[in-house]
Amino acid sequence: MPRKTKTEAQATREGLLDAAEEEFLEQGVSRTTLDSIAQRAGVTRGAIYWHFRNKTDLFNAMLDRVQLPMIELLSELHDDDESAPCENLRKLCLFALYKLVSDARHRRVHAILFHRCEHVDEINSSVQRQNVLINRMLASLTRYFKGAAKRGDLRADVRPEIAARAVHVYMTGLYSDWLRNPEDFNLQLCVESLIDVLLGGLLRDPPAFTRQCVFRDHAS
């Protein structure tokens, strides 16, 4: 059998990752097997081992194709107090939520992380890896809010560490809640108001609310 070209090998790898996303989303991580991933991808189990050591390695590669909520901030926020006005934080939060709405892969992988990922031994290393990234993001946000406090942008009664944790919890909560049932509310129409509610509790001079959210009527 002729040796695959680099392009063909990369296409096979991407196909395996696509199949893994679909299997993890449908079956949950713990119930998904390498055999089921190979079958969905239309390759042999041996093809998986050519690209990945095991299911954990494949799971990590799947995560590498997206970013956790707000991890994008790490490459955008700066330590220099004068270089990151609060409006920049608002834009980055909006970007994270608009990406969730518009990027199908982003939605699938985060739906797996939040709702289909049982914390079992085989992916414990992946969970620990995500915890490291979250801690890095919190440290970056804390430095950012310390700068905001020096400029007088942060409310005097809000500590930078609390502001950083609030942004993290709020954003991951929005991700989790909307992915649980996207039909509950129109996130795209709610994005700006949801972020402005968050910042309104943290900043001395919060932005004005811009849009009204559209929620499903739960009344019986």
Protein backbone atom coordinates (compact mmCIF):
# COMPACT_ATOMS: atom_id res chain seq x y z
CA MET A 1 0.00 0.00 0.00
CA PRO A 2 1.50 3.41 -0.94
CA ARG A 3 2.59 5.66 1.90
CA LYS A 4 0.23 8.52 2.63
CA THR A 5 1.36 12.03 1.84
CA LYS A 6 1.68 14.59 4.61
CA THR A 7 -1.52 16.25 3.39
CA GLU A 8 -3.42 12.95 3.44
CA ALA A 9 -2.11 12.11 6.90
CA GLN A 10 -3.22 15.51 8.19
CA ALA A 11 -6.65 15.02 6.64
CA THR A 12 -6.96 11.64 8.38
CA ARG A 13 -5.95 13.21 11.70
CA GLU A 14 -8.52 15.99 11.33
CA GLY A 15 -11.17 13.45 10.37
CA LEU A 16 -10.44 11.47 13.53
CA LEU A 17 -10.75 14.60 15.64
CA ASP A 18 -14.04 15.49 13.94
CA ALA A 19 -15.33 11.97 14.60
CA ALA A 20 -14.18 12.16 18.22
CA GLU A 21 -16.08 15.42 18.71
CA GLU A 22 -19.26 13.83 17.40
CA GLU A 23 -18.87 10.66 19.46
CA PHE A 24 -18.01 12.53 22.67
CA LEU A 25 -20.99 14.81 22.17
CA GLU A 26 -23.43 11.97 21.49
CA GLN A 27 -22.13 9.29 23.86
CA GLY A 28 -20.23 11.20 26.52
CA VAL A 29 -16.48 10.93 26.98
CA SER A 30 -16.39 7.87 29.24
CA ARG A 31 -18.69 5.79 26.98
CA THR A 32 -16.87 6.65 23.77
CA THR A 33 -14.38 4.03 22.56
CA LEU A 34 -11.55 4.25 20.08
CA ASP A 35 -13.36 1.63 18.01
CA SER A 36 -16.46 3.83 17.75
CA ILE A 37 -14.33 6.83 16.76
CA ALA A 38 -12.52 4.80 14.10
CA GLN A 39 -15.80 3.46 12.75
CA ARG A 40 -17.32 6.93 12.50
CA ALA A 41 -14.18 8.25 10.80
CA GLY A 42 -14.16 5.32 8.36
CA VAL A 43 -10.66 4.13 9.31
CA THR A 44 -9.12 1.28 11.26
CA ARG A 45 -8.27 1.46 14.94
CA GLY A 46 -4.62 1.26 13.88
CA ALA A 47 -5.01 4.60 12.12
CA ILE A 48 -5.86 6.18 15.47
CA TYR A 49 -2.66 4.83 17.03
CA TRP A 50 -0.66 6.24 14.14
CA HIS A 51 -1.75 9.74 15.22
CA PHE A 52 -2.61 9.42 18.93
CA ARG A 53 -1.25 7.38 21.83
CA ASN A 54 -4.66 6.81 23.47
CA LYS A 55 -8.05 8.40 24.05
CA THR A 56 -6.59 11.00 26.41
CA ASP A 57 -4.12 12.12 23.75
CA LEU A 58 -6.94 12.36 21.21
CA PHE A 59 -9.12 14.27 23.72
CA ASN A 60 -6.31 16.77 24.35
CA ALA A 61 -5.78 17.28 20.62
CA MET A 62 -9.50 17.99 20.27
CA LEU A 63 -9.25 20.64 22.99
CA ASP A 64 -6.24 22.20 21.29
CA ARG A 65 -8.42 23.13 18.32
CA VAL A 66 -10.45 25.55 20.49
CA GLN A 67 -9.92 27.67 23.58
CA LEU A 68 -11.59 27.68 26.97
CA PRO A 69 -13.90 30.61 27.73
CA MET A 70 -11.84 33.76 28.24
CA ILE A 71 -8.48 32.07 27.58
CA GLU A 72 -8.33 34.42 24.59
CA LEU A 73 -7.76 37.17 27.14
CA LEU A 74 -4.31 35.81 27.91
CA SER A 75 -2.94 36.92 24.56
CA GLU A 76 -4.78 40.25 24.57
CA LEU A 77 -4.56 41.71 28.08
CA HIS A 78 -1.33 43.46 28.95
CA ASP A 79 0.50 44.00 32.22
CA ASP A 80 0.95 47.68 31.42
CA ASP A 81 -1.76 49.54 33.35
CA GLU A 82 -2.17 52.14 30.62
CA SER A 83 -2.56 49.72 27.72
CA ALA A 84 -5.76 47.88 28.64
CA PRO A 85 -8.77 50.15 29.24
CA CYS A 86 -11.95 48.54 30.54
CA GLU A 87 -13.53 48.92 27.12
CA ASN A 88 -10.98 46.40 25.89
CA LEU A 89 -12.18 43.89 28.47
CA ARG A 90 -15.75 44.45 27.32
CA LYS A 91 -14.79 43.84 23.69
CA LEU A 92 -12.99 40.62 24.60
CA CYS A 93 -15.95 39.31 26.59
CA LEU A 94 -18.24 40.11 23.67
CA PHE A 95 -15.85 38.37 21.29
CA ALA A 96 -15.86 35.20 23.42
CA LEU A 97 -19.67 34.98 23.44
CA TYR A 98 -20.14 35.90 19.78
CA LYS A 99 -17.62 33.18 18.93
CA LEU A 100 -19.69 30.69 20.89
CA VAL A 101 -22.76 31.63 18.85
CA SER A 102 -21.05 31.66 15.45
CA ASP A 103 -18.44 28.86 15.62
CA ALA A 104 -19.95 25.36 15.48
CA ARG A 105 -16.74 23.61 16.56
CA HIS A 106 -16.40 25.99 19.51
CA ARG A 107 -19.95 25.08 20.56
CA ARG A 108 -19.44 21.32 20.20
CA VAL A 109 -16.21 21.15 22.18
CA HIS A 110 -17.50 23.33 24.98
CA ALA A 111 -20.74 21.36 25.13
CA ILE A 112 -18.54 18.27 25.63
CA LEU A 113 -16.48 19.99 28.33
CA PHE A 114 -19.46 21.30 30.25
CA HIS A 115 -22.07 18.58 29.78
CA ARG A 116 -20.58 15.40 28.32
CA CYS A 117 -17.23 15.12 30.11
CA GLU A 118 -17.31 12.81 33.11
CA HIS A 119 -14.23 13.23 35.33
CA VAL A 120 -12.83 9.72 35.10
CA ASP A 121 -9.27 8.47 35.50
CA GLU A 122 -8.52 8.31 31.78
CA ILE A 123 -8.96 12.07 31.31
CA ASN A 124 -7.78 13.32 34.71
CA SER A 125 -4.62 14.67 33.11
CA SER A 126 -6.77 16.64 30.66
CA VAL A 127 -8.80 18.12 33.52
CA GLN A 128 -5.61 19.10 35.33
CA ARG A 129 -4.35 20.72 32.13
CA GLN A 130 -7.52 22.81 31.90
CA ASN A 131 -7.12 23.83 35.54
CA VAL A 132 -3.63 25.13 34.78
CA LEU A 133 -5.02 27.25 31.94
CA ILE A 134 -7.82 28.58 34.13
CA ASN A 135 -5.33 29.57 36.85
CA ARG A 136 -3.22 31.38 34.24
CA MET A 137 -6.29 33.23 33.02
CA LEU A 138 -7.28 34.22 36.58
CA ALA A 139 -3.77 35.50 37.28
CA SER A 140 -3.86 37.57 34.07
CA LEU A 141 -7.27 39.01 34.89
CA THR A 142 -6.18 39.82 38.45
CA ARG A 143 -3.19 41.77 37.14
CA TYR A 144 -5.50 43.53 34.72
CA PHE A 145 -7.95 44.56 37.45
CA LYS A 146 -5.12 45.74 39.69
CA GLY A 147 -4.23 48.13 36.89
CA ALA A 148 -7.88 49.13 36.56
CA ALA A 149 -7.99 49.84 40.32
CA LYS A 150 -4.93 52.12 40.06
CA ARG A 151 -6.64 54.06 37.27
CA GLY A 152 -9.80 54.39 39.35
CA ASP A 153 -11.88 52.29 36.93
CA LEU A 154 -12.68 49.51 39.42
CA ARG A 155 -15.20 50.05 42.18
CA ALA A 156 -13.43 50.85 45.45
CA ASP A 157 -15.23 48.06 47.30
CA VAL A 158 -14.27 45.36 44.76
CA ARG A 159 -10.92 43.63 45.14
CA PRO A 160 -9.10 42.77 41.88
CA GLU A 161 -9.03 39.07 42.81
CA ILE A 162 -12.81 39.10 43.28
CA ALA A 163 -13.34 40.94 39.99
CA ALA A 164 -11.18 38.37 38.17
CA ARG A 165 -13.07 35.46 39.69
CA ALA A 166 -16.41 37.13 38.92
CA VAL A 167 -15.55 37.47 35.22
CA HIS A 168 -14.42 33.83 35.06
CA VAL A 169 -17.47 32.44 36.86
CA TYR A 170 -19.90 34.63 34.94
CA MET A 171 -18.48 33.75 31.53
CA THR A 172 -18.22 30.01 32.16
CA GLY A 173 -21.72 30.09 33.64
CA LEU A 174 -23.07 31.74 30.49
CA TYR A 175 -21.35 29.16 28.33
CA SER A 176 -22.70 26.27 30.40
CA ASP A 177 -26.24 27.62 30.73
CA TRP A 178 -26.70 28.44 27.05
CA LEU A 179 -25.14 25.18 25.85
CA ARG A 180 -27.46 23.25 28.16
CA ASN A 181 -30.45 24.54 26.19
CA PRO A 182 -29.72 27.04 23.39
CA GLU A 183 -33.45 27.45 22.75
CA ASP A 184 -33.94 29.03 26.19
CA PHE A 185 -32.77 32.45 25.05
CA ASN A 186 -31.33 34.16 22.00
CA LEU A 187 -27.72 34.61 23.11
CA GLN A 188 -26.76 36.67 20.07
CA LEU A 189 -29.37 39.30 20.96
CA CYS A 190 -28.46 39.18 24.66
CA VAL A 191 -24.68 39.32 24.48
CA GLU A 192 -24.14 43.04 25.00
CA SER A 193 -26.65 43.43 27.82
CA LEU A 194 -25.34 40.33 29.60
CA ILE A 195 -21.77 41.66 29.54
CA ASP A 196 -22.88 45.14 30.59
CA VAL A 197 -24.68 43.66 33.61
CA LEU A 198 -21.40 42.00 34.62
CA LEU A 199 -19.32 45.13 34.19
CA GLY A 200 -21.97 47.23 35.90
CA GLY A 201 -21.22 45.42 39.12
CA LEU A 202 -17.45 45.88 38.83
CA LEU A 203 -16.70 49.30 37.36
CA ARG A 204 -17.10 52.83 38.70
CA ASP A 205 -18.40 54.03 35.34
CA PRO A 206 -20.18 51.03 33.78
CA PRO A 207 -21.36 51.04 30.16
CA ALA A 208 -24.96 51.85 29.37
CA PHE A 209 -27.16 48.85 28.57
CA THR A 210 -27.52 48.48 24.84
CA ARG A 211 -29.96 45.67 24.05
CA GLN A 212 -32.82 43.73 25.58
CA CYS A 213 -32.59 39.97 26.00
CA VAL A 214 -35.13 37.62 24.50
CA PHE A 215 -35.97 34.70 26.78
CA ARG A 216 -38.37 31.83 26.29
CA ASP A 217 -41.57 32.14 28.29
CA HIS A 218 -41.50 29.50 31.07
CA ALA A 219 -44.90 30.39 32.44
CA SER A 220 -47.23 27.43 32.64
